[in-house]
Each structure stands twice: as C-alpha cells, then as structure tokens.
N, C-alpha and C. Protein backbone atom coordinates (compact mmCIF):
# COMPACT_ATOMS: atom_id res chain seq x y z
N UNK A 1 101.95 37.07 87.92
CA UNK A 1 102.90 36.82 89.01
C UNK A 1 102.32 35.71 89.88
N UNK A 2 103.08 34.70 90.20
CA UNK A 2 102.57 33.61 91.02
C UNK A 2 102.30 34.10 92.44
N UNK A 3 101.27 33.53 93.04
CA UNK A 3 100.96 33.90 94.42
C UNK A 3 101.91 33.18 95.35
N UNK A 4 102.13 33.77 96.48
CA UNK A 4 103.08 33.20 97.41
C UNK A 4 102.57 33.40 98.82
N UNK A 5 103.24 32.78 99.76
CA UNK A 5 102.90 32.99 101.15
C UNK A 5 103.73 34.16 101.67
N UNK A 6 103.08 34.98 102.43
CA UNK A 6 103.76 36.13 103.02
C UNK A 6 104.11 35.74 104.44
N UNK A 7 105.39 35.64 104.75
CA UNK A 7 105.83 35.24 106.09
C UNK A 7 105.80 36.44 107.01
N UNK A 8 105.33 36.22 108.18
CA UNK A 8 105.28 37.28 109.19
C UNK A 8 105.86 36.74 110.48
N UNK A 9 106.25 37.65 111.35
CA UNK A 9 106.75 37.25 112.65
C UNK A 9 105.67 36.53 113.45
N UNK A 10 104.42 36.87 113.18
CA UNK A 10 103.31 36.31 113.94
C UNK A 10 102.63 35.15 113.23
N UNK A 11 103.14 34.69 112.12
CA UNK A 11 102.50 33.60 111.39
C UNK A 11 102.64 33.82 109.90
N UNK A 12 101.84 33.10 109.12
CA UNK A 12 101.88 33.25 107.68
C UNK A 12 100.51 33.64 107.16
N UNK A 13 100.50 34.41 106.11
CA UNK A 13 99.28 34.77 105.42
C UNK A 13 99.35 34.11 104.06
N UNK A 14 98.36 33.34 103.73
CA UNK A 14 98.35 32.64 102.45
C UNK A 14 97.89 33.61 101.38
N UNK A 15 98.82 34.05 100.54
CA UNK A 15 98.51 35.02 99.49
C UNK A 15 97.57 34.44 98.44
N UNK A 16 97.40 33.12 98.41
CA UNK A 16 96.49 32.54 97.42
C UNK A 16 95.04 32.92 97.72
N UNK A 17 94.77 33.38 98.92
CA UNK A 17 93.42 33.84 99.26
C UNK A 17 93.20 35.30 98.87
N UNK A 18 94.27 35.98 98.48
CA UNK A 18 94.15 37.38 98.09
C UNK A 18 93.77 37.47 96.61
N UNK A 19 93.07 38.53 96.24
CA UNK A 19 92.67 38.68 94.83
C UNK A 19 93.87 38.93 93.93
N UNK A 20 93.70 38.56 92.67
CA UNK A 20 94.75 38.76 91.66
C UNK A 20 94.89 40.26 91.38
N UNK A 21 96.12 40.74 91.28
CA UNK A 21 96.38 42.14 90.92
C UNK A 21 97.17 42.19 89.63
N UNK A 22 96.92 43.22 88.84
CA UNK A 22 97.73 43.43 87.63
C UNK A 22 99.14 43.81 88.07
N UNK A 23 100.07 43.75 87.14
CA UNK A 23 101.47 44.10 87.45
C UNK A 23 101.56 45.55 87.93
N UNK A 24 100.78 46.44 87.32
CA UNK A 24 100.82 47.85 87.73
C UNK A 24 100.28 48.03 89.14
N UNK A 25 99.19 47.33 89.46
CA UNK A 25 98.64 47.43 90.81
C UNK A 25 99.61 46.82 91.83
N UNK A 26 100.27 45.74 91.47
CA UNK A 26 101.26 45.15 92.37
C UNK A 26 102.40 46.14 92.62
N UNK A 27 102.82 46.84 91.59
CA UNK A 27 103.88 47.85 91.74
C UNK A 27 103.39 48.99 92.63
N UNK A 28 102.16 49.40 92.46
CA UNK A 28 101.56 50.45 93.30
C UNK A 28 101.63 50.03 94.76
N UNK A 29 101.20 48.81 95.05
CA UNK A 29 101.23 48.30 96.43
C UNK A 29 102.68 48.25 96.93
N UNK A 30 103.60 47.75 96.12
CA UNK A 30 105.00 47.66 96.52
C UNK A 30 105.58 49.03 96.86
N UNK A 31 105.26 50.02 96.03
CA UNK A 31 105.78 51.37 96.27
C UNK A 31 105.20 51.98 97.54
N UNK A 32 103.93 51.74 97.81
CA UNK A 32 103.33 52.24 99.05
C UNK A 32 104.03 51.60 100.24
N UNK A 33 104.26 50.30 100.15
CA UNK A 33 104.92 49.59 101.25
C UNK A 33 106.37 50.04 101.44
N UNK A 34 106.96 50.60 100.39
CA UNK A 34 108.34 51.09 100.51
C UNK A 34 108.39 52.50 101.09
N UNK A 35 107.20 53.08 101.34
CA UNK A 35 107.16 54.39 101.98
C UNK A 35 106.73 55.53 101.09
N UNK A 36 106.39 55.26 99.85
CA UNK A 36 105.95 56.32 98.94
C UNK A 36 104.53 56.76 99.30
N UNK A 37 104.21 58.01 98.99
CA UNK A 37 102.83 58.49 99.13
C UNK A 37 101.99 57.82 98.06
N UNK A 38 100.69 57.88 98.19
CA UNK A 38 99.82 57.29 97.17
C UNK A 38 100.09 57.91 95.80
N UNK A 39 100.24 59.22 95.77
CA UNK A 39 100.47 59.89 94.49
C UNK A 39 101.80 59.46 93.87
N UNK A 40 102.85 59.41 94.67
CA UNK A 40 104.16 59.00 94.14
C UNK A 40 104.15 57.54 93.72
N UNK A 41 103.44 56.70 94.47
CA UNK A 41 103.33 55.29 94.09
C UNK A 41 102.57 55.15 92.78
N UNK A 42 101.55 55.96 92.59
CA UNK A 42 100.78 55.90 91.34
C UNK A 42 101.66 56.33 90.17
N UNK A 43 102.43 57.41 90.37
CA UNK A 43 103.33 57.87 89.31
C UNK A 43 104.37 56.81 88.96
N UNK A 44 104.82 56.06 89.96
CA UNK A 44 105.82 55.02 89.73
C UNK A 44 105.26 53.78 89.05
N UNK A 45 103.96 53.55 89.20
CA UNK A 45 103.36 52.33 88.65
C UNK A 45 102.65 52.56 87.32
N UNK A 46 102.23 53.79 87.06
CA UNK A 46 101.44 54.09 85.87
C UNK A 46 102.08 55.24 85.09
N UNK A 47 101.73 55.36 83.85
CA UNK A 47 102.20 56.46 83.01
C UNK A 47 101.33 57.68 83.28
N UNK A 48 101.93 58.74 83.81
CA UNK A 48 101.18 59.95 84.19
C UNK A 48 101.86 61.22 83.71
N UNK A 49 102.70 61.13 82.69
CA UNK A 49 103.52 62.30 82.33
C UNK A 49 102.72 63.55 81.95
N UNK A 50 101.54 63.43 81.39
CA UNK A 50 100.74 64.61 81.01
C UNK A 50 99.60 64.88 81.98
N UNK A 51 99.67 64.33 83.16
CA UNK A 51 98.60 64.48 84.14
C UNK A 51 98.91 65.64 85.09
N UNK A 52 97.87 66.29 85.55
CA UNK A 52 98.04 67.32 86.58
C UNK A 52 98.24 66.62 87.92
N UNK A 53 98.86 67.30 88.86
CA UNK A 53 99.04 66.69 90.19
C UNK A 53 97.70 66.29 90.82
N UNK A 54 96.67 67.11 90.59
CA UNK A 54 95.36 66.78 91.16
C UNK A 54 94.79 65.51 90.53
N UNK A 55 94.96 65.34 89.22
CA UNK A 55 94.46 64.14 88.55
C UNK A 55 95.18 62.90 89.08
N UNK A 56 96.47 63.00 89.32
CA UNK A 56 97.24 61.88 89.87
C UNK A 56 96.74 61.56 91.27
N UNK A 57 96.53 62.59 92.07
CA UNK A 57 96.06 62.39 93.44
C UNK A 57 94.70 61.70 93.46
N UNK A 58 93.78 62.13 92.60
CA UNK A 58 92.44 61.52 92.54
C UNK A 58 92.55 60.06 92.14
N UNK A 59 93.32 59.77 91.09
CA UNK A 59 93.47 58.39 90.62
C UNK A 59 94.15 57.52 91.69
N UNK A 60 95.16 58.07 92.34
CA UNK A 60 95.87 57.33 93.39
C UNK A 60 94.96 57.04 94.57
N UNK A 61 94.16 58.03 94.94
CA UNK A 61 93.23 57.85 96.06
C UNK A 61 92.19 56.78 95.73
N UNK A 62 91.69 56.81 94.52
CA UNK A 62 90.71 55.79 94.10
C UNK A 62 91.32 54.40 94.11
N UNK A 63 92.54 54.29 93.60
CA UNK A 63 93.19 52.99 93.56
C UNK A 63 93.50 52.49 94.97
N UNK A 64 93.95 53.39 95.82
CA UNK A 64 94.26 52.99 97.20
C UNK A 64 93.00 52.55 97.94
N UNK A 65 91.83 53.08 97.54
CA UNK A 65 90.56 52.72 98.17
C UNK A 65 89.96 51.45 97.56
N UNK A 66 90.53 50.98 96.46
CA UNK A 66 90.03 49.76 95.81
C UNK A 66 90.13 48.58 96.78
N UNK A 67 89.07 47.79 96.82
CA UNK A 67 89.01 46.68 97.79
C UNK A 67 90.17 45.70 97.63
N UNK A 68 90.53 45.35 96.41
CA UNK A 68 91.61 44.39 96.19
C UNK A 68 92.95 44.96 96.65
N UNK A 69 93.20 46.22 96.33
CA UNK A 69 94.45 46.85 96.74
C UNK A 69 94.51 46.95 98.26
N UNK A 70 93.40 47.33 98.87
CA UNK A 70 93.36 47.45 100.34
C UNK A 70 93.64 46.10 101.00
N UNK A 71 93.10 45.02 100.43
CA UNK A 71 93.36 43.69 100.99
C UNK A 71 94.85 43.35 100.94
N UNK A 72 95.49 43.64 99.82
CA UNK A 72 96.93 43.37 99.69
C UNK A 72 97.73 44.22 100.68
N UNK A 73 97.38 45.50 100.78
CA UNK A 73 98.10 46.38 101.71
C UNK A 73 97.91 45.91 103.15
N UNK A 74 96.68 45.56 103.50
CA UNK A 74 96.41 45.10 104.86
C UNK A 74 97.16 43.81 105.17
N UNK A 75 97.18 42.89 104.22
CA UNK A 75 97.88 41.62 104.43
C UNK A 75 99.38 41.85 104.58
N UNK A 76 99.93 42.71 103.75
CA UNK A 76 101.37 42.98 103.83
C UNK A 76 101.72 43.68 105.14
N UNK A 77 100.89 44.59 105.58
CA UNK A 77 101.17 45.29 106.84
C UNK A 77 101.01 44.36 108.02
N UNK A 78 100.01 43.47 107.93
CA UNK A 78 99.83 42.49 109.00
C UNK A 78 101.05 41.59 109.09
N UNK A 79 101.64 41.31 107.94
CA UNK A 79 102.85 40.48 107.90
C UNK A 79 104.10 41.29 108.21
N UNK A 80 103.92 42.57 108.54
CA UNK A 80 105.03 43.47 108.86
C UNK A 80 105.99 43.63 107.70
N UNK A 81 105.46 43.64 106.49
CA UNK A 81 106.28 43.88 105.31
C UNK A 81 106.28 45.36 105.00
N UNK A 82 107.31 45.81 104.38
CA UNK A 82 107.38 47.21 103.97
C UNK A 82 107.87 48.10 105.08
N UNK A 83 108.13 49.31 104.71
CA UNK A 83 108.59 50.32 105.66
C UNK A 83 107.66 51.49 105.54
N UNK A 84 106.38 51.25 105.73
CA UNK A 84 105.39 52.29 105.53
C UNK A 84 105.77 53.52 106.35
N UNK A 85 105.87 54.63 105.68
CA UNK A 85 106.19 55.89 106.31
C UNK A 85 104.89 56.68 106.42
N UNK A 86 104.64 57.20 107.58
CA UNK A 86 103.44 58.00 107.77
C UNK A 86 103.65 59.35 107.11
N UNK A 87 102.82 59.63 106.12
CA UNK A 87 102.87 60.93 105.47
C UNK A 87 101.64 61.71 105.88
N UNK A 88 101.67 62.99 105.67
CA UNK A 88 100.51 63.83 105.97
C UNK A 88 99.31 63.33 105.17
N UNK A 89 99.55 63.02 103.90
CA UNK A 89 98.47 62.57 103.03
C UNK A 89 97.86 61.26 103.54
N UNK A 90 98.70 60.30 103.89
CA UNK A 90 98.17 59.01 104.35
C UNK A 90 97.50 59.17 105.71
N UNK A 91 98.02 60.04 106.54
CA UNK A 91 97.42 60.29 107.85
C UNK A 91 96.03 60.91 107.69
N UNK A 92 95.91 61.87 106.80
CA UNK A 92 94.61 62.49 106.56
C UNK A 92 93.63 61.48 105.96
N UNK A 93 94.10 60.63 105.08
CA UNK A 93 93.23 59.61 104.48
C UNK A 93 92.75 58.62 105.54
N UNK A 94 93.63 58.25 106.45
CA UNK A 94 93.24 57.33 107.51
C UNK A 94 92.22 57.98 108.44
N UNK A 95 92.41 59.25 108.77
CA UNK A 95 91.44 59.95 109.61
C UNK A 95 90.10 60.08 108.91
N UNK A 96 90.14 60.32 107.59
CA UNK A 96 88.89 60.40 106.83
C UNK A 96 88.18 59.04 106.84
N UNK A 97 88.94 57.97 106.68
CA UNK A 97 88.36 56.62 106.71
C UNK A 97 87.74 56.35 108.07
N UNK A 98 88.43 56.72 109.14
CA UNK A 98 87.90 56.52 110.49
C UNK A 98 86.65 57.36 110.72
N UNK A 99 86.64 58.57 110.16
CA UNK A 99 85.45 59.42 110.27
C UNK A 99 84.25 58.74 109.61
N UNK A 100 84.48 58.18 108.42
CA UNK A 100 83.39 57.52 107.69
C UNK A 100 82.89 56.29 108.45
N UNK A 101 83.80 55.55 109.05
CA UNK A 101 83.40 54.39 109.86
C UNK A 101 82.57 54.85 111.04
N UNK A 102 83.00 55.93 111.69
CA UNK A 102 82.27 56.46 112.85
C UNK A 102 80.88 56.92 112.46
N UNK A 103 80.77 57.60 111.33
CA UNK A 103 79.46 58.06 110.86
C UNK A 103 78.56 56.86 110.56
N UNK A 104 79.11 55.87 109.88
CA UNK A 104 78.33 54.68 109.53
C UNK A 104 77.84 53.93 110.76
N UNK A 105 78.64 53.97 111.83
CA UNK A 105 78.24 53.26 113.04
C UNK A 105 77.43 54.14 113.98
N UNK A 106 77.18 55.38 113.58
CA UNK A 106 76.38 56.28 114.40
C UNK A 106 77.13 56.95 115.53
N UNK A 107 78.44 56.87 115.54
CA UNK A 107 79.26 57.47 116.59
C UNK A 107 79.66 58.88 116.15
N UNK A 108 78.77 59.82 116.37
CA UNK A 108 79.00 61.19 115.92
C UNK A 108 80.19 61.83 116.64
N UNK A 109 80.37 61.51 117.91
CA UNK A 109 81.49 62.08 118.67
C UNK A 109 82.83 61.68 118.07
N UNK A 110 82.96 60.41 117.72
CA UNK A 110 84.22 59.95 117.11
C UNK A 110 84.41 60.56 115.73
N UNK A 111 83.31 60.74 114.99
CA UNK A 111 83.39 61.36 113.66
C UNK A 111 83.85 62.81 113.78
N UNK A 112 83.31 63.52 114.75
CA UNK A 112 83.70 64.92 114.96
C UNK A 112 85.18 64.99 115.36
N UNK A 113 85.62 64.09 116.22
CA UNK A 113 87.03 64.08 116.66
C UNK A 113 87.96 63.79 115.48
N UNK A 114 87.58 62.83 114.63
CA UNK A 114 88.40 62.52 113.46
C UNK A 114 88.48 63.73 112.53
N UNK A 115 87.38 64.41 112.35
CA UNK A 115 87.37 65.60 111.48
C UNK A 115 88.20 66.72 112.10
N UNK A 116 88.11 66.87 113.42
CA UNK A 116 88.92 67.87 114.11
C UNK A 116 90.41 67.58 113.91
N UNK A 117 90.79 66.32 114.03
CA UNK A 117 92.20 65.95 113.84
C UNK A 117 92.64 66.15 112.40
N UNK A 118 91.74 65.88 111.44
CA UNK A 118 92.08 66.15 110.03
C UNK A 118 92.36 67.64 109.84
N UNK A 119 91.55 68.48 110.47
CA UNK A 119 91.77 69.93 110.38
C UNK A 119 93.09 70.35 110.98
N UNK A 120 93.46 69.72 112.09
CA UNK A 120 94.75 70.04 112.71
C UNK A 120 95.91 69.61 111.83
N UNK A 121 95.81 68.42 111.26
CA UNK A 121 96.87 67.93 110.37
C UNK A 121 97.03 68.86 109.17
N UNK A 122 95.90 69.35 108.66
CA UNK A 122 95.94 70.23 107.49
C UNK A 122 96.35 71.66 107.86
N UNK A 123 96.40 71.96 109.15
CA UNK A 123 96.78 73.30 109.59
C UNK A 123 95.62 74.27 109.67
N UNK A 124 94.39 73.76 109.55
CA UNK A 124 93.22 74.64 109.61
C UNK A 124 92.79 74.93 111.04
N UNK A 125 93.13 74.06 111.95
CA UNK A 125 92.81 74.27 113.36
C UNK A 125 94.10 74.25 114.15
N UNK A 126 94.26 75.26 114.95
CA UNK A 126 95.48 75.38 115.74
C UNK A 126 95.07 75.60 117.18
N UNK A 127 95.65 74.81 118.08
CA UNK A 127 95.41 75.02 119.50
C UNK A 127 96.19 76.26 119.92
N UNK A 128 95.48 77.15 120.55
CA UNK A 128 96.15 78.38 121.00
C UNK A 128 95.98 78.52 122.51
N UNK A 129 97.04 78.92 123.13
CA UNK A 129 97.03 79.17 124.56
C UNK A 129 97.30 80.64 124.75
N UNK A 130 96.37 81.30 125.43
CA UNK A 130 96.57 82.72 125.68
C UNK A 130 97.10 82.89 127.09
N UNK A 131 98.25 83.49 127.16
CA UNK A 131 98.84 83.74 128.46
C UNK A 131 98.39 85.11 128.94
N UNK A 132 97.92 85.14 130.15
CA UNK A 132 97.50 86.40 130.74
C UNK A 132 98.69 86.96 131.49
N UNK A 133 99.12 88.17 131.10
CA UNK A 133 100.30 88.74 131.77
C UNK A 133 100.03 88.89 133.27
N UNK A 134 101.03 88.53 134.03
CA UNK A 134 100.93 88.61 135.48
C UNK A 134 101.77 89.79 135.95
N UNK A 135 101.20 90.56 136.84
CA UNK A 135 101.90 91.71 137.39
C UNK A 135 102.90 91.21 138.44
N UNK A 136 104.20 91.41 138.20
CA UNK A 136 105.20 90.94 139.16
C UNK A 136 105.05 91.60 140.53
N UNK A 137 104.47 92.77 140.56
CA UNK A 137 104.27 93.43 141.85
C UNK A 137 103.30 92.64 142.72
N UNK A 138 102.28 91.99 142.09
CA UNK A 138 101.35 91.15 142.86
C UNK A 138 102.07 89.98 143.49
N UNK A 139 102.99 89.38 142.74
CA UNK A 139 103.76 88.25 143.26
C UNK A 139 104.64 88.72 144.42
N UNK A 140 105.27 89.88 144.25
CA UNK A 140 106.12 90.40 145.33
C UNK A 140 105.30 90.73 146.58
N UNK A 141 104.09 91.23 146.39
CA UNK A 141 103.23 91.52 147.56
C UNK A 141 102.91 90.23 148.31
N UNK A 142 102.65 89.17 147.58
CA UNK A 142 102.35 87.88 148.20
C UNK A 142 103.59 87.36 148.94
N UNK A 143 104.75 87.46 148.32
CA UNK A 143 105.99 87.02 148.97
C UNK A 143 106.26 87.87 150.20
N UNK A 144 105.99 89.17 150.11
CA UNK A 144 106.28 90.09 151.22
C UNK A 144 105.44 89.77 152.46
N UNK A 145 104.27 89.16 152.25
CA UNK A 145 103.44 88.78 153.40
C UNK A 145 104.13 87.74 154.28
N UNK A 146 104.98 86.90 153.66
CA UNK A 146 105.63 85.81 154.39
C UNK A 146 107.13 86.03 154.59
N UNK A 147 107.77 86.67 153.59
CA UNK A 147 109.21 86.90 153.67
C UNK A 147 109.53 88.29 153.12
N UNK A 148 109.34 89.31 153.92
CA UNK A 148 109.54 90.67 153.43
C UNK A 148 110.97 90.96 152.96
N UNK A 149 111.95 90.36 153.60
CA UNK A 149 113.34 90.61 153.18
C UNK A 149 113.60 90.06 151.76
N UNK A 150 113.11 88.88 151.49
CA UNK A 150 113.26 88.29 150.17
C UNK A 150 112.53 89.12 149.12
N UNK A 151 111.33 89.59 149.45
CA UNK A 151 110.56 90.41 148.52
C UNK A 151 111.30 91.70 148.21
N UNK A 152 111.92 92.30 149.21
CA UNK A 152 112.68 93.53 149.01
C UNK A 152 113.88 93.28 148.09
N UNK A 153 114.57 92.16 148.29
CA UNK A 153 115.72 91.83 147.44
C UNK A 153 115.28 91.62 145.99
N UNK A 154 114.17 90.90 145.80
CA UNK A 154 113.67 90.66 144.45
C UNK A 154 113.22 91.96 143.78
N UNK A 155 112.56 92.81 144.53
CA UNK A 155 112.11 94.09 143.98
C UNK A 155 113.32 94.91 143.53
N UNK A 156 114.34 94.97 144.36
CA UNK A 156 115.53 95.73 144.01
C UNK A 156 116.21 95.13 142.78
N UNK A 157 116.33 93.79 142.74
CA UNK A 157 117.01 93.13 141.62
C UNK A 157 116.28 93.35 140.30
N UNK A 158 114.95 93.55 140.35
CA UNK A 158 114.17 93.69 139.12
C UNK A 158 113.66 95.11 138.88
N UNK A 159 114.15 96.05 139.67
CA UNK A 159 113.82 97.45 139.45
C UNK A 159 112.37 97.80 139.75
N UNK A 160 111.76 97.10 140.70
CA UNK A 160 110.38 97.39 141.09
C UNK A 160 110.43 98.23 142.36
N UNK A 161 109.76 99.37 142.37
CA UNK A 161 109.81 100.24 143.57
C UNK A 161 109.29 99.52 144.82
N UNK A 162 110.15 99.37 145.79
CA UNK A 162 109.80 98.63 147.01
C UNK A 162 108.74 99.36 147.83
N UNK A 163 108.70 100.67 147.77
CA UNK A 163 107.73 101.44 148.54
C UNK A 163 106.30 101.06 148.17
N UNK A 164 106.03 100.89 146.87
CA UNK A 164 104.67 100.54 146.45
C UNK A 164 104.27 99.14 146.93
N UNK A 165 105.23 98.25 146.99
CA UNK A 165 104.97 96.89 147.47
C UNK A 165 104.74 96.93 148.99
N UNK A 166 105.59 97.66 149.69
CA UNK A 166 105.52 97.73 151.15
C UNK A 166 104.21 98.38 151.60
N UNK A 167 103.82 99.44 150.93
CA UNK A 167 102.58 100.15 151.30
C UNK A 167 101.36 99.29 151.06
N UNK A 168 101.36 98.48 149.98
CA UNK A 168 100.21 97.66 149.64
C UNK A 168 100.04 96.51 150.62
N UNK A 169 101.13 96.01 151.19
CA UNK A 169 101.02 94.87 152.11
C UNK A 169 100.57 95.31 153.49
N UNK A 170 100.71 96.59 153.83
CA UNK A 170 100.32 97.08 155.15
C UNK A 170 98.80 97.27 155.23
N UNK A 171 98.14 97.45 154.09
CA UNK A 171 96.70 97.74 154.11
C UNK A 171 95.89 96.49 154.15
C-alpha cells in the first residue's frame, strides 16, 4: 500500500516516516480506529476460526503493543482519524501501560493509583459508603430546642411520641 500524508485539523503527519505494515496489520489498525476492540480487530484482520477467545486476546494484545502498530495508531489518533471507542479492554490496557511507565520512572504512587483504577474498572474494587442510621428523635430534640411547635408537628406527622422528645429537651 503506498504511503500517504495523514491530514489533521492541527497539521499533517507524513506517513512516509511511519514503518511499513503488512496488509493484515493495516487492517488491524483500521479496525481499531473504527472502534473495534483489539480482539475484534484481530479477528477481522487475521484468520482465527479455530482459536480460543483467550488465544485471540493474547495475539491481539501483542500486536497492539508492537512498536510499528503503536506508531500508526498514535499518528492516526494525533491526526484525529477514526472513531476510537473507549472499551473496558482498551481502558484497562491503557491503565496497565500507565502503571508500567510509572514503575519505570520510579513513581510508585502513580503506579498504585493506576492499579487501583484497573481494579475498579474490572469490578474488583468497589467504593462503598456506609450510612449510619440517624435517630429521628435526636433531630426532633435539636429542633425542639429552637422551635418546639415545629418539632411537635413533625413528631405527630411521623408518629414519634412527643412526650419522649419533650422530656429529653427539659433535662
């Protein structure tokens, strides 16, 4: 396939500086840019009919990590080509890549954060908020200190015995 210039809104990227790709690798890149996952792009570019899903995923991940393929993808994205759709798989791969960069640069905090986010994306870590039940009688006692009539109306409306509220505010 002849090399061409990739036009972008921000300028041009001379594709002649990019490495040569086989037709199958070019198709893989094209499919990724069209929004396919790495595995689906690999299936579309290569013959995988007797492959297990895991084997396809491994091969797709390796190809996506190939330096030549990464250069083409980066150039196309810089040129704003394609309609890359963020998938869970691509998001996790990007977080893994960022983790590796952080480890290589000695930034353990960033590596831990990237790994934490990978766990959240995978559903292994879930932020949980524990609500502590609040006794409505305590709230009514506080209101009764400033507006006893309002507290009495609220207690009656919600079936809370007013006597217990009234007695507690006097002490």
